[in-house]
Amino acid sequence: MNAAAAVESLTRSVEDYLKAIYRLSPEGRHASTSEIAHLLELSAPSVSGMVKRLSELGLLEHVPYKGVQLTAEGRRAALRMVRRHRLIEAYLVAFLGYSWDGVHEEAERLEHAVSDTLVERMAAVLGNPTVDPHGDPIPAPDGSIHEPASVPLAEIPAGRTVEICRVDQSQPERLRYIASIGLKPGVEVRVTDRQPFRGPITIEAEGRTHVIGHELGQVLFCAPRDDR
């Protein structure tokens, strides 16, 4: 089976692998077997076996002692799943009353079951959004994706005003807290004070002052405003 045909007949397991490798290999870096195993909560031998299979299908390239990267066909398949996942999240939040801290797991289940036709109808009803509820970019139907540059809030110097553009979604409890203090994508934040040695950060957002820890500041990604 060639890579193009393989993309059209992927199992749920393969789709999960491709999406995980895409997440772990930004900007041309390689994803290691141990990183993939940790993210998917699988054993290293299981991952090694799947990596060999995906390589044989032409969906990834394995470089000894460095790790794996997606091929063009593998990336296309991964972005297809990313588009499905993020559009489902957007639809569930916009129309079915899901909160942004509980939508990820539901989208994980649905992304493998819905048809491309249904996904595109969701996109049309939503007005073809470019980002999901957490600020992650949604790939276009042709597989292209625009990922704007962003910097963790923890790295923004005091005196700068930035806009939150993306929030890490890996911990629902953390998302609930972030939402409770109003730090969602689109909100402008001014850093008024930073303590050294990974200390707390004081910020102003929508007329309120908050003191947040360095760890929380690492998962709030911002777009710096050069003119402020």
Protein backbone atom coordinates (compact mmCIF):
# COMPACT_ATOMS: atom_id res chain seq x y z
CA MET A 1 0.00 0.00 0.00
CA ASN A 2 1.40 3.43 -0.88
CA ALA A 3 1.32 6.37 1.53
CA ALA A 4 -1.60 8.13 -0.18
CA ALA A 5 -3.76 5.02 0.06
CA ALA A 6 -2.64 4.43 3.64
CA VAL A 7 -3.88 7.89 4.66
CA GLU A 8 -7.42 6.99 3.56
CA SER A 9 -7.57 3.76 5.57
CA LEU A 10 -5.94 4.59 8.89
CA THR A 11 -6.96 2.91 12.09
CA ARG A 12 -7.74 4.93 15.19
CA SER A 13 -4.43 3.83 16.72
CA VAL A 14 -2.44 5.03 13.72
CA GLU A 15 -4.29 8.35 13.70
CA ASP A 16 -3.43 8.85 17.37
CA TYR A 17 0.23 8.12 16.68
CA LEU A 18 0.43 10.57 13.81
CA LYS A 19 -1.25 13.30 15.82
CA ALA A 20 1.10 12.68 18.76
CA ILE A 21 4.19 12.79 16.54
CA TYR A 22 2.95 16.03 14.98
CA ARG A 23 2.58 17.54 18.44
CA LEU A 24 6.03 16.37 19.55
CA SER A 25 7.97 17.48 16.48
CA PRO A 26 7.45 21.21 15.92
CA GLU A 27 9.82 23.23 13.74
CA GLY A 28 11.57 20.22 12.26
CA ARG A 29 12.68 18.52 15.47
CA HIS A 30 12.53 14.75 15.88
CA ALA A 31 10.19 12.96 18.31
CA SER A 32 11.80 10.21 20.37
CA THR A 33 10.23 6.83 21.06
CA SER A 34 10.17 7.59 24.78
CA GLU A 35 8.34 10.89 24.21
CA ILE A 36 5.71 9.18 22.07
CA ALA A 37 5.30 6.40 24.64
CA HIS A 38 4.86 8.94 27.45
CA LEU A 39 2.31 11.05 25.57
CA LEU A 40 0.21 8.06 24.47
CA GLU A 41 0.73 6.17 27.76
CA LEU A 42 2.07 3.10 25.97
CA SER A 43 5.10 0.86 26.40
CA ALA A 44 8.30 1.60 24.50
CA PRO A 45 8.25 -1.79 22.68
CA SER A 46 4.70 -1.12 21.44
CA VAL A 47 5.75 2.29 20.15
CA SER A 48 8.84 0.85 18.45
CA GLY A 49 6.66 -1.67 16.60
CA MET A 50 4.24 1.00 15.40
CA VAL A 51 7.08 3.31 14.36
CA LYS A 52 8.43 0.53 12.14
CA ARG A 53 4.98 -0.02 10.62
CA LEU A 54 4.40 3.68 9.94
CA SER A 55 7.84 3.94 8.40
CA GLU A 56 7.06 1.04 6.07
CA LEU A 57 3.82 2.79 5.07
CA GLY A 58 5.77 5.92 4.17
CA LEU A 59 4.08 8.03 6.85
CA LEU A 60 7.20 8.83 8.84
CA GLU A 61 10.97 8.79 8.63
CA HIS A 62 13.02 7.19 11.40
CA VAL A 63 16.53 8.52 11.97
CA PRO A 64 18.57 6.27 14.30
CA TYR A 65 19.56 7.95 17.59
CA LYS A 66 17.49 11.03 16.75
CA GLY A 67 13.87 9.93 16.48
CA VAL A 68 11.09 10.26 13.93
CA GLN A 69 9.55 12.92 11.73
CA LEU A 70 6.39 12.82 9.66
CA THR A 71 6.68 12.58 5.90
CA ALA A 72 4.56 14.89 3.75
CA GLU A 73 1.79 12.24 3.64
CA GLY A 74 2.08 11.59 7.36
CA ARG A 75 1.82 15.29 8.12
CA ARG A 76 -1.23 15.58 5.87
CA ALA A 77 -2.94 12.76 7.77
CA ALA A 78 -1.97 14.25 11.13
CA LEU A 79 -3.30 17.70 10.21
CA ARG A 80 -6.54 16.14 9.00
CA MET A 81 -7.05 14.76 12.51
CA VAL A 82 -5.97 18.00 14.16
CA ARG A 83 -8.53 19.89 12.04
CA ARG A 84 -11.27 17.44 13.02
CA HIS A 85 -10.39 17.62 16.71
CA ARG A 86 -10.23 21.40 16.94
CA LEU A 87 -13.38 22.00 14.90
CA ILE A 88 -15.29 19.51 17.06
CA GLU A 89 -14.08 21.33 20.16
CA ALA A 90 -15.23 24.65 18.71
CA TYR A 91 -18.63 23.23 17.77
CA LEU A 92 -19.22 21.61 21.17
CA VAL A 93 -18.40 24.85 22.99
CA ALA A 94 -20.36 27.11 20.62
CA PHE A 95 -23.54 25.05 20.24
CA LEU A 96 -23.74 22.32 22.86
CA GLY A 97 -22.77 24.15 26.02
CA TYR A 98 -19.47 22.37 26.72
CA SER A 99 -16.89 24.24 28.79
CA TRP A 100 -13.36 24.59 27.46
CA ASP A 101 -11.94 22.42 30.27
CA GLY A 102 -14.15 19.42 29.43
CA VAL A 103 -14.29 19.49 25.66
CA HIS A 104 -10.93 17.87 24.84
CA GLU A 105 -11.80 14.32 25.91
CA GLU A 106 -15.14 14.44 24.08
CA ALA A 107 -13.42 15.59 20.90
CA GLU A 108 -10.85 12.79 21.27
CA ARG A 109 -13.69 10.27 21.08
CA LEU A 110 -15.61 11.93 18.26
CA GLU A 111 -12.73 12.79 15.93
CA HIS A 112 -12.36 9.18 14.81
CA ALA A 113 -16.07 8.65 14.13
CA VAL A 114 -17.32 11.70 12.25
CA SER A 115 -17.15 11.97 8.46
CA ASP A 116 -15.27 14.66 6.59
CA THR A 117 -18.63 15.93 5.32
CA LEU A 118 -19.93 16.46 8.86
CA VAL A 119 -16.71 18.18 9.92
CA GLU A 120 -16.92 20.61 7.01
CA ARG A 121 -20.56 21.36 7.80
CA MET A 122 -19.52 22.11 11.38
CA ALA A 123 -16.86 24.45 10.04
CA ALA A 124 -19.38 26.25 7.84
CA VAL A 125 -21.89 26.70 10.68
CA LEU A 126 -19.10 28.07 12.88
CA GLY A 127 -18.06 30.53 10.19
CA ASN A 128 -14.84 28.67 9.34
CA PRO A 129 -12.91 29.61 12.50
CA THR A 130 -9.13 29.78 12.46
CA VAL A 131 -8.61 28.84 16.12
CA ASP A 132 -10.26 26.48 18.61
CA PRO A 133 -11.56 27.48 22.08
CA HIS A 134 -8.04 27.24 23.55
CA GLY A 135 -6.51 29.40 20.84
CA ASP A 136 -4.84 26.56 18.94
CA PRO A 137 -4.81 27.16 15.17
CA ILE A 138 -7.20 25.07 13.06
CA PRO A 139 -5.63 23.66 9.88
CA ALA A 140 -7.29 24.65 6.61
CA PRO A 141 -9.06 22.00 4.49
CA ASP A 142 -6.00 21.84 2.21
CA GLY A 143 -3.78 20.87 5.15
CA SER A 144 -2.03 24.20 5.55
CA ILE A 145 -1.75 25.71 9.01
CA HIS A 146 -0.68 29.11 10.29
CA GLU A 147 0.92 28.99 13.72
CA PRO A 148 1.58 32.55 14.92
CA ALA A 149 4.66 33.19 17.04
CA SER A 150 3.90 33.28 20.75
CA VAL A 151 5.81 33.62 24.00
CA PRO A 152 4.88 32.21 27.44
CA LEU A 153 3.61 34.90 29.79
CA ALA A 154 6.34 33.82 32.21
CA GLU A 155 8.93 35.24 29.78
CA ILE A 156 7.30 38.64 29.22
CA PRO A 157 9.25 41.45 30.94
CA ALA A 158 7.60 43.84 33.36
CA GLY A 159 6.03 46.87 31.72
CA ARG A 160 4.92 45.06 28.56
CA THR A 161 1.34 44.61 27.37
CA VAL A 162 0.51 41.42 25.50
CA GLU A 163 -2.54 39.54 24.30
CA ILE A 164 -3.20 35.96 25.35
CA CYS A 165 -3.46 33.94 22.16
CA ARG A 166 -3.30 30.32 23.32
CA VAL A 167 -3.69 28.33 26.54
CA ASP A 168 -2.27 24.87 27.13
CA GLN A 169 -5.16 22.43 27.55
CA SER A 170 -3.40 19.44 29.12
CA GLN A 171 -4.84 19.89 32.63
CA PRO A 172 -8.61 20.50 33.00
CA GLU A 173 -8.24 21.71 36.60
CA ARG A 174 -5.77 24.35 35.50
CA LEU A 175 -8.06 25.43 32.66
CA ARG A 176 -10.93 25.90 35.10
CA TYR A 177 -8.77 28.13 37.28
CA ILE A 178 -7.52 30.14 34.32
CA ALA A 179 -11.11 30.67 33.17
CA SER A 180 -12.18 31.71 36.67
CA ILE A 181 -9.76 34.65 36.62
CA GLY A 182 -10.62 35.58 33.04
CA LEU A 183 -7.34 34.76 31.31
CA LYS A 184 -8.67 33.46 27.98
CA PRO A 185 -7.45 33.98 24.41
CA GLY A 186 -8.08 37.53 23.25
CA VAL A 187 -7.60 39.11 26.69
CA GLU A 188 -4.97 41.84 27.00
CA VAL A 189 -2.57 41.50 29.90
CA ARG A 190 -0.03 43.96 31.29
CA VAL A 191 2.87 42.56 33.29
CA THR A 192 3.45 44.98 36.15
CA ASP A 193 6.00 43.04 38.22
CA ARG A 194 8.14 39.91 38.00
CA GLN A 195 9.99 38.37 40.91
CA PRO A 196 13.37 36.74 40.14
CA PHE A 197 14.27 33.04 40.27
CA ARG A 198 10.99 31.79 38.81
CA GLY A 199 9.02 33.80 41.34
CA PRO A 200 5.44 35.09 41.04
CA ILE A 201 4.28 37.45 38.30
CA THR A 202 1.89 40.35 38.89
CA ILE A 203 -0.40 41.19 36.00
CA GLU A 204 -3.34 43.44 35.18
CA ALA A 205 -6.15 42.14 32.98
CA GLU A 206 -9.55 43.70 32.32
CA GLY A 207 -9.24 46.05 35.29
CA ARG A 208 -8.20 43.36 37.77
CA THR A 209 -4.83 42.55 39.32
CA HIS A 210 -3.66 38.95 39.63
CA VAL A 211 -0.56 37.33 41.03
CA ILE A 212 0.23 34.08 39.26
CA GLY A 213 3.00 31.53 39.65
CA HIS A 214 5.78 30.93 37.14
CA GLU A 215 4.36 27.50 36.25
CA LEU A 216 0.99 28.98 35.30
CA GLY A 217 2.74 31.69 33.32
CA GLN A 218 4.43 28.99 31.25
CA VAL A 219 1.12 27.69 29.85
CA LEU A 220 -0.35 31.07 28.88
CA PHE A 221 1.04 31.88 25.44
CA CYS A 222 0.99 35.49 24.35
CA ALA A 223 1.52 37.67 21.32
CA PRO A 224 3.77 40.59 22.29
CA ARG A 225 2.67 44.06 21.25
CA ASP A 226 5.72 45.93 19.99
CA ASP A 227 3.89 49.25 20.09
CA ARG A 228 2.97 49.09 23.76
